[in-house]
């Protein structure tokens, strides 16, 4: 279940990043400043990537990777807001 949700999050983050790039000339997208929309997509992608270490198992690397991915993704997402 975790990998499926991770794939959905990856797909949506990449889709909305592509949508932002494709529609970057629209007034509403220019007003939202596309660079910040890209940062939000990247942060969401990193937060979604934090699901992977939880699904793999418990060893030292995965236990350290989960909080780092989650914290960096959260910081990126909310710093762009």
PDB file of N, CA and C in Angstrom:
ATOM      1  N   UNK A   1       0.826  -1.185   0.000  1.00  0.00           N
ATOM      2  CA  UNK A   1       0.000   0.000   0.000  1.00  0.00           C
ATOM      3  C   UNK A   1       0.876   1.257   0.000  1.00  0.00           C
ATOM      4  N   UNK A   2       1.990   1.209   0.766  1.00  0.00           N
ATOM      5  CA  UNK A   2       2.857   2.375   0.870  1.00  0.00           C
ATOM      6  C   UNK A   2       3.482   2.769  -0.457  1.00  0.00           C
ATOM      7  N   UNK A   3       3.932   1.761  -1.218  1.00  0.00           N
ATOM      8  CA  UNK A   3       4.561   2.063  -2.496  1.00  0.00           C
ATOM      9  C   UNK A   3       3.556   2.598  -3.511  1.00  0.00           C
ATOM     10  N   UNK A   4       2.327   2.141  -3.437  1.00  0.00           N
ATOM     11  CA  UNK A   4       1.291   2.644  -4.340  1.00  0.00           C
ATOM     12  C   UNK A   4       0.995   4.109  -4.035  1.00  0.00           C
ATOM     13  N   UNK A   5       0.853   4.435  -2.762  1.00  0.00           N
ATOM     14  CA  UNK A   5       0.623   5.832  -2.390  1.00  0.00           C
ATOM     15  C   UNK A   5       1.817   6.711  -2.751  1.00  0.00           C
ATOM     16  N   UNK A   6       3.003   6.175  -2.595  1.00  0.00           N
ATOM     17  CA  UNK A   6       4.208   6.912  -2.962  1.00  0.00           C
ATOM     18  C   UNK A   6       4.216   7.188  -4.471  1.00  0.00           C
ATOM     19  N   UNK A   7       3.850   6.202  -5.264  1.00  0.00           N
ATOM     20  CA  UNK A   7       3.791   6.383  -6.713  1.00  0.00           C
ATOM     21  C   UNK A   7       2.741   7.418  -7.099  1.00  0.00           C
ATOM     22  N   UNK A   8       1.597   7.419  -6.406  1.00  0.00           N
ATOM     23  CA  UNK A   8       0.559   8.418  -6.680  1.00  0.00           C
ATOM     24  C   UNK A   8       1.075   9.819  -6.353  1.00  0.00           C
ATOM     25  N   UNK A   9       1.751   9.970  -5.229  1.00  0.00           N
ATOM     26  CA  UNK A   9       2.293  11.272  -4.836  1.00  0.00           C
ATOM     27  C   UNK A   9       3.354  11.720  -5.826  1.00  0.00           C
ATOM     28  N   UNK A  10       4.257  10.811  -6.223  1.00  0.00           N
ATOM     29  CA  UNK A  10       5.285  11.160  -7.208  1.00  0.00           C
ATOM     30  C   UNK A  10       4.635  11.604  -8.513  1.00  0.00           C
ATOM     31  N   UNK A  11       3.655  10.823  -8.961  1.00  0.00           N
ATOM     32  CA  UNK A  11       2.984  11.153 -10.220  1.00  0.00           C
ATOM     33  C   UNK A  11       2.298  12.507 -10.185  1.00  0.00           C
ATOM     34  N   UNK A  12       1.598  12.781  -9.097  1.00  0.00           N
ATOM     35  CA  UNK A  12       0.906  14.062  -8.996  1.00  0.00           C
ATOM     36  C   UNK A  12       1.869  15.236  -8.862  1.00  0.00           C
ATOM     37  N   UNK A  13       2.953  15.059  -8.113  1.00  0.00           N
ATOM     38  CA  UNK A  13       3.926  16.142  -7.969  1.00  0.00           C
ATOM     39  C   UNK A  13       4.589  16.454  -9.306  1.00  0.00           C
ATOM     40  N   UNK A  14       4.947  15.419 -10.059  1.00  0.00           N
ATOM     41  CA  UNK A  14       5.551  15.633 -11.370  1.00  0.00           C
ATOM     42  C   UNK A  14       4.535  16.210 -12.342  1.00  0.00           C
ATOM     43  N   UNK A  15       3.299  15.729 -12.271  1.00  0.00           N
ATOM     44  CA  UNK A  15       2.253  16.257 -13.139  1.00  0.00           C
ATOM     45  C   UNK A  15       2.037  17.753 -12.907  1.00  0.00           C
ATOM     46  N   UNK A  16       1.919  18.153 -11.633  1.00  0.00           N
ATOM     47  CA  UNK A  16       1.657  19.558 -11.356  1.00  0.00           C
ATOM     48  C   UNK A  16       2.878  20.430 -11.635  1.00  0.00           C
ATOM     49  N   UNK A  17       4.079  19.882 -11.495  1.00  0.00           N
ATOM     50  CA  UNK A  17       5.269  20.615 -11.931  1.00  0.00           C
ATOM     51  C   UNK A  17       5.262  20.835 -13.431  1.00  0.00           C
ATOM     52  N   UNK A  18       4.891  19.795 -14.176  1.00  0.00           N
ATOM     53  CA  UNK A  18       4.767  19.918 -15.631  1.00  0.00           C
ATOM     54  C   UNK A  18       3.645  20.849 -16.035  1.00  0.00           C
ATOM     55  N   UNK A  19       2.543  20.784 -15.313  1.00  0.00           N
ATOM     56  CA  UNK A  19       1.421  21.684 -15.603  1.00  0.00           C
ATOM     57  C   UNK A  19       1.834  23.138 -15.398  1.00  0.00           C
ATOM     58  N   UNK A  20       2.597  23.385 -14.348  1.00  0.00           N
ATOM     59  CA  UNK A  20       3.079  24.736 -14.084  1.00  0.00           C
ATOM     60  C   UNK A  20       3.998  25.198 -15.205  1.00  0.00           C
ATOM     61  N   UNK A  21       4.876  24.320 -15.660  1.00  0.00           N
ATOM     62  CA  UNK A  21       5.785  24.684 -16.751  1.00  0.00           C
ATOM     63  C   UNK A  21       5.008  24.946 -18.042  1.00  0.00           C
ATOM     64  N   UNK A  22       4.036  24.101 -18.325  1.00  0.00           N
ATOM     65  CA  UNK A  22       3.254  24.242 -19.553  1.00  0.00           C
ATOM     66  C   UNK A  22       2.414  25.517 -19.543  1.00  0.00           C
ATOM     67  N   UNK A  23       1.859  25.890 -18.394  1.00  0.00           N
ATOM     68  CA  UNK A  23       0.969  27.051 -18.290  1.00  0.00           C
ATOM     69  C   UNK A  23       1.650  28.258 -17.646  1.00  0.00           C
ATOM     70  N   UNK A  24       2.957  28.340 -17.719  1.00  0.00           N
ATOM     71  CA  UNK A  24       3.678  29.411 -17.039  1.00  0.00           C
ATOM     72  C   UNK A  24       3.384  30.796 -17.597  1.00  0.00           C
ATOM     73  N   UNK A  25       2.803  30.901 -18.780  1.00  0.00           N
ATOM     74  CA  UNK A  25       2.488  32.203 -19.372  1.00  0.00           C
ATOM     75  C   UNK A  25       1.093  32.704 -18.999  1.00  0.00           C
ATOM     76  N   UNK A  26       0.278  31.873 -18.370  1.00  0.00           N
ATOM     77  CA  UNK A  26      -1.048  32.313 -17.945  1.00  0.00           C
ATOM     78  C   UNK A  26      -0.927  33.330 -16.817  1.00  0.00           C
ATOM     79  N   UNK A  27      -1.877  34.239 -16.768  1.00  0.00           N
ATOM     80  CA  UNK A  27      -1.834  35.305 -15.762  1.00  0.00           C
ATOM     81  C   UNK A  27      -1.871  34.758 -14.334  1.00  0.00           C
ATOM     82  N   UNK A  28      -2.721  33.766 -14.091  1.00  0.00           N
ATOM     83  CA  UNK A  28      -2.850  33.238 -12.729  1.00  0.00           C
ATOM     84  C   UNK A  28      -1.581  32.509 -12.296  1.00  0.00           C
ATOM     85  N   UNK A  29      -0.888  31.852 -13.219  1.00  0.00           N
ATOM     86  CA  UNK A  29       0.349  31.161 -12.878  1.00  0.00           C
ATOM     87  C   UNK A  29       1.476  32.164 -12.675  1.00  0.00           C
ATOM     88  N   UNK A  30       1.530  33.196 -13.525  1.00  0.00           N
ATOM     89  CA  UNK A  30       2.553  34.230 -13.334  1.00  0.00           C
ATOM     90  C   UNK A  30       2.356  34.961 -12.020  1.00  0.00           C
ATOM     91  N   UNK A  31       1.107  35.158 -11.614  1.00  0.00           N
ATOM     92  CA  UNK A  31       0.832  35.816 -10.333  1.00  0.00           C
ATOM     93  C   UNK A  31       1.243  34.928  -9.164  1.00  0.00           C
ATOM     94  N   UNK A  32       1.226  33.617  -9.346  1.00  0.00           N
ATOM     95  CA  UNK A  32       1.616  32.684  -8.292  1.00  0.00           C
ATOM     96  C   UNK A  32       3.117  32.449  -8.246  1.00  0.00           C
ATOM     97  N   UNK A  33       3.860  33.031  -9.186  1.00  0.00           N
ATOM     98  CA  UNK A  33       5.304  32.890  -9.305  1.00  0.00           C
ATOM     99  C   UNK A  33       5.695  31.424  -9.441  1.00  0.00           C
ATOM    100  N   UNK A  34       5.871  30.984 -10.669  1.00  0.00           N
ATOM    101  CA  UNK A  34       6.115  29.557 -10.938  1.00  0.00           C
ATOM    102  C   UNK A  34       7.273  28.949 -10.146  1.00  0.00           C
ATOM    103  N   UNK A  35       8.293  29.709  -9.819  1.00  0.00           N
ATOM    104  CA  UNK A  35       9.407  29.133  -9.067  1.00  0.00           C
ATOM    105  C   UNK A  35       8.931  28.608  -7.710  1.00  0.00           C
ATOM    106  N   UNK A  36       8.004  29.315  -7.090  1.00  0.00           N
ATOM    107  CA  UNK A  36       7.475  28.846  -5.807  1.00  0.00           C
ATOM    108  C   UNK A  36       6.594  27.615  -5.992  1.00  0.00           C
ATOM    109  N   UNK A  37       5.882  27.541  -7.096  1.00  0.00           N
ATOM    110  CA  UNK A  37       5.076  26.346  -7.372  1.00  0.00           C
ATOM    111  C   UNK A  37       5.973  25.131  -7.598  1.00  0.00           C
ATOM    112  N   UNK A  38       7.133  25.344  -8.248  1.00  0.00           N
ATOM    113  CA  UNK A  38       8.095  24.253  -8.422  1.00  0.00           C
ATOM    114  C   UNK A  38       8.651  23.805  -7.076  1.00  0.00           C
ATOM    115  N   UNK A  39       8.926  24.747  -6.189  1.00  0.00           N
ATOM    116  CA  UNK A  39       9.455  24.405  -4.867  1.00  0.00           C
ATOM    117  C   UNK A  39       8.421  23.617  -4.069  1.00  0.00           C
ATOM    118  N   UNK A  40       7.152  24.004  -4.173  1.00  0.00           N
ATOM    119  CA  UNK A  40       6.090  23.258  -3.491  1.00  0.00           C
ATOM    120  C   UNK A  40       6.005  21.836  -4.037  1.00  0.00           C
ATOM    121  N   UNK A  41       6.118  21.681  -5.362  1.00  0.00           N
ATOM    122  CA  UNK A  41       6.087  20.339  -5.958  1.00  0.00           C
ATOM    123  C   UNK A  41       7.278  19.503  -5.501  1.00  0.00           C
ATOM    124  N   UNK A  42       8.456  20.115  -5.430  1.00  0.00           N
ATOM    125  CA  UNK A  42       9.643  19.382  -4.981  1.00  0.00           C
ATOM    126  C   UNK A  42       9.511  18.971  -3.516  1.00  0.00           C
ATOM    127  N   UNK A  43       8.984  19.855  -2.681  1.00  0.00           N
ATOM    128  CA  UNK A  43       8.779  19.519  -1.273  1.00  0.00           C
ATOM    129  C   UNK A  43       7.771  18.407  -1.091  1.00  0.00           C
ATOM    130  N   UNK A  44       6.721  18.446  -1.882  1.00  0.00           N
ATOM    131  CA  UNK A  44       5.716  17.386  -1.818  1.00  0.00           C
ATOM    132  C   UNK A  44       6.313  16.056  -2.276  1.00  0.00           C
ATOM    133  N   UNK A  45       7.154  16.102  -3.290  1.00  0.00           N
ATOM    134  CA  UNK A  45       7.816  14.896  -3.761  1.00  0.00           C
ATOM    135  C   UNK A  45       8.715  14.314  -2.672  1.00  0.00           C
ATOM    136  N   UNK A  46       9.453  15.161  -1.960  1.00  0.00           N
ATOM    137  CA  UNK A  46      10.311  14.673  -0.883  1.00  0.00           C
ATOM    138  C   UNK A  46       9.500  14.119   0.286  1.00  0.00           C
ATOM    139  N   UNK A  47       8.396  14.781   0.619  1.00  0.00           N
ATOM    140  CA  UNK A  47       7.556  14.233   1.685  1.00  0.00           C
ATOM    141  C   UNK A  47       6.967  12.890   1.282  1.00  0.00           C
ATOM    142  N   UNK A  48       6.606  12.753   0.014  1.00  0.00           N
ATOM    143  CA  UNK A  48       6.123  11.462  -0.471  1.00  0.00           C
ATOM    144  C   UNK A  48       7.212  10.408  -0.468  1.00  0.00           C
ATOM    145  N   UNK A  49       8.452  10.832  -0.708  1.00  0.00           N
ATOM    146  CA  UNK A  49       9.572   9.893  -0.695  1.00  0.00           C
ATOM    147  C   UNK A  49       9.853   9.362   0.700  1.00  0.00           C
ATOM    148  N   UNK A  50       9.386  10.058   1.717  1.00  0.00           N
ATOM    149  CA  UNK A  50       9.612   9.572   3.084  1.00  0.00           C
ATOM    150  C   UNK A  50       8.804   8.319   3.378  1.00  0.00           C
ATOM    151  N   UNK A  51       7.854   7.974   2.522  1.00  0.00           N
ATOM    152  CA  UNK A  51       7.093   6.738   2.689  1.00  0.00           C
ATOM    153  C   UNK A  51       7.971   5.523   2.405  1.00  0.00           C
ATOM    154  N   UNK A  52       8.923   5.670   1.502  1.00  0.00           N
ATOM    155  CA  UNK A  52       9.749   4.534   1.080  1.00  0.00           C
ATOM    156  C   UNK A  52      10.550   3.946   2.244  1.00  0.00           C
ATOM    157  N   UNK A  53      11.284   4.756   3.042  1.00  0.00           N
ATOM    158  CA  UNK A  53      12.010   4.136   4.159  1.00  0.00           C
ATOM    159  C   UNK A  53      11.096   3.458   5.184  1.00  0.00           C
ATOM    160  N   UNK A  54       9.884   3.973   5.344  1.00  0.00           N
ATOM    161  CA  UNK A  54       8.963   3.322   6.272  1.00  0.00           C
ATOM    162  C   UNK A  54       8.502   1.968   5.759  1.00  0.00           C
ATOM    163  N   UNK A  55       8.426   1.822   4.440  1.00  0.00           N
ATOM    164  CA  UNK A  55       7.946   0.572   3.855  1.00  0.00           C
ATOM    165  C   UNK A  55       9.026  -0.485   3.765  1.00  0.00           C
ATOM    166  N   UNK A  56      10.280  -0.065   3.749  1.00  0.00           N
ATOM    167  CA  UNK A  56      11.376  -1.020   3.557  1.00  0.00           C
ATOM    168  C   UNK A  56      11.615  -1.849   4.817  1.00  0.00           C
ATOM    169  N   UNK A  57      11.792  -1.202   5.927  1.00  0.00           N
ATOM    170  CA  UNK A  57      12.080  -1.935   7.148  1.00  0.00           C
ATOM    171  C   UNK A  57      12.844  -1.050   8.110  1.00  0.00           C
ATOM    172  N   UNK A  58      13.254  -1.627   9.207  1.00  0.00           N
ATOM    173  CA  UNK A  58      13.900  -0.833  10.248  1.00  0.00           C
ATOM    174  C   UNK A  58      15.377  -1.206  10.352  1.00  0.00           C
ATOM    175  N   UNK A  59      16.226  -0.370   9.787  1.00  0.00           N
ATOM    176  CA  UNK A  59      17.652  -0.437  10.053  1.00  0.00           C
ATOM    177  C   UNK A  59      18.144   1.000  10.221  1.00  0.00           C
ATOM    178  N   UNK A  60      19.427   1.181  10.417  1.00  0.00           N
ATOM    179  CA  UNK A  60      19.947   2.512  10.747  1.00  0.00           C
ATOM    180  C   UNK A  60      19.705   3.532   9.646  1.00  0.00           C
ATOM    181  N   UNK A  61      19.923   3.141   8.394  1.00  0.00           N
ATOM    182  CA  UNK A  61      19.806   4.092   7.286  1.00  0.00           C
ATOM    183  C   UNK A  61      18.359   4.521   7.089  1.00  0.00           C
ATOM    184  N   UNK A  62      17.431   3.585   7.100  1.00  0.00           N
ATOM    185  CA  UNK A  62      16.032   3.951   6.887  1.00  0.00           C
ATOM    186  C   UNK A  62      15.479   4.751   8.062  1.00  0.00           C
ATOM    187  N   UNK A  63      15.956   4.451   9.262  1.00  0.00           N
ATOM    188  CA  UNK A  63      15.490   5.217  10.425  1.00  0.00           C
ATOM    189  C   UNK A  63      15.993   6.654  10.391  1.00  0.00           C
ATOM    190  N   UNK A  64      17.142   6.881   9.770  1.00  0.00           N
ATOM    191  CA  UNK A  64      17.659   8.244   9.640  1.00  0.00           C
ATOM    192  C   UNK A  64      17.085   8.952   8.415  1.00  0.00           C
ATOM    193  N   UNK A  65      16.768   8.193   7.358  1.00  0.00           N
ATOM    194  CA  UNK A  65      16.284   8.805   6.121  1.00  0.00           C
ATOM    195  C   UNK A  65      14.867   9.342   6.269  1.00  0.00           C
ATOM    196  N   UNK A  66      14.028   8.640   7.007  1.00  0.00           N
ATOM    197  CA  UNK A  66      12.633   9.071   7.130  1.00  0.00           C
ATOM    198  C   UNK A  66      12.482  10.489   7.682  1.00  0.00           C
ATOM    199  N   UNK A  67      13.044  10.816   8.849  1.00  0.00           N
ATOM    200  CA  UNK A  67      12.840  12.178   9.354  1.00  0.00           C
ATOM    201  C   UNK A  67      13.509  13.240   8.492  1.00  0.00           C
ATOM    202  N   UNK A  68      14.637  12.905   7.855  1.00  0.00           N
ATOM    203  CA  UNK A  68      15.293  13.884   6.995  1.00  0.00           C
ATOM    204  C   UNK A  68      14.439  14.201   5.771  1.00  0.00           C
ATOM    205  N   UNK A  69      13.937  13.192   5.115  1.00  0.00           N
ATOM    206  CA  UNK A  69      13.097  13.428   3.939  1.00  0.00           C
ATOM    207  C   UNK A  69      11.834  14.192   4.316  1.00  0.00           C
ATOM    208  N   UNK A  70      11.234  13.811   5.409  1.00  0.00           N
ATOM    209  CA  UNK A  70      10.005  14.471   5.839  1.00  0.00           C
ATOM    210  C   UNK A  70      10.267  15.927   6.229  1.00  0.00           C
ATOM    211  N   UNK A  71      11.322  16.184   6.987  1.00  0.00           N
ATOM    212  CA  UNK A  71      11.612  17.543   7.453  1.00  0.00           C
ATOM    213  C   UNK A  71      12.031  18.459   6.307  1.00  0.00           C
ATOM    214  N   UNK A  72      12.869  17.962   5.403  1.00  0.00           N
ATOM    215  CA  UNK A  72      13.298  18.786   4.276  1.00  0.00           C
ATOM    216  C   UNK A  72      12.116  19.062   3.338  1.00  0.00           C
ATOM    217  N   UNK A  73      11.296  18.044   3.072  1.00  0.00           N
ATOM    218  CA  UNK A  73      10.124  18.252   2.224  1.00  0.00           C
ATOM    219  C   UNK A  73       9.141  19.223   2.840  1.00  0.00           C
ATOM    220  N   UNK A  74       8.907  19.090   4.139  1.00  0.00           N
ATOM    221  CA  UNK A  74       8.000  20.003   4.832  1.00  0.00           C
ATOM    222  C   UNK A  74       8.542  21.440   4.800  1.00  0.00           C
ATOM    223  N   UNK A  75       9.832  21.580   5.032  1.00  0.00           N
ATOM    224  CA  UNK A  75      10.444  22.911   5.023  1.00  0.00           C
ATOM    225  C   UNK A  75      10.362  23.546   3.645  1.00  0.00           C
ATOM    226  N   UNK A  76      10.624  22.767   2.604  1.00  0.00           N
ATOM    227  CA  UNK A  76      10.530  23.310   1.252  1.00  0.00           C
ATOM    228  C   UNK A  76       9.099  23.731   0.923  1.00  0.00           C
ATOM    229  N   UNK A  77       8.160  22.870   1.261  1.00  0.00           N
ATOM    230  CA  UNK A  77       6.767  23.160   0.926  1.00  0.00           C
ATOM    231  C   UNK A  77       6.280  24.424   1.613  1.00  0.00           C
ATOM    232  N   UNK A  78       6.531  24.545   2.894  1.00  0.00           N
ATOM    233  CA  UNK A  78       5.982  25.680   3.631  1.00  0.00           C
ATOM    234  C   UNK A  78       6.835  26.930   3.540  1.00  0.00           C
ATOM    235  N   UNK A  79       8.096  26.810   3.133  1.00  0.00           N
ATOM    236  CA  UNK A  79       8.881  28.023   2.911  1.00  0.00           C
ATOM    237  C   UNK A  79       8.436  28.712   1.623  1.00  0.00           C
ATOM    238  N   UNK A  80       7.917  27.950   0.685  1.00  0.00           N
ATOM    239  CA  UNK A  80       7.441  28.553  -0.564  1.00  0.00           C
ATOM    240  C   UNK A  80       6.073  29.213  -0.390  1.00  0.00           C
ATOM    241  N   UNK A  81       5.381  28.873   0.660  1.00  0.00           N
ATOM    242  CA  UNK A  81       4.075  29.485   0.882  1.00  0.00           C
ATOM    243  C   UNK A  81       4.279  30.851   1.515  1.00  0.00           C
TER     244      UNK A  81
END
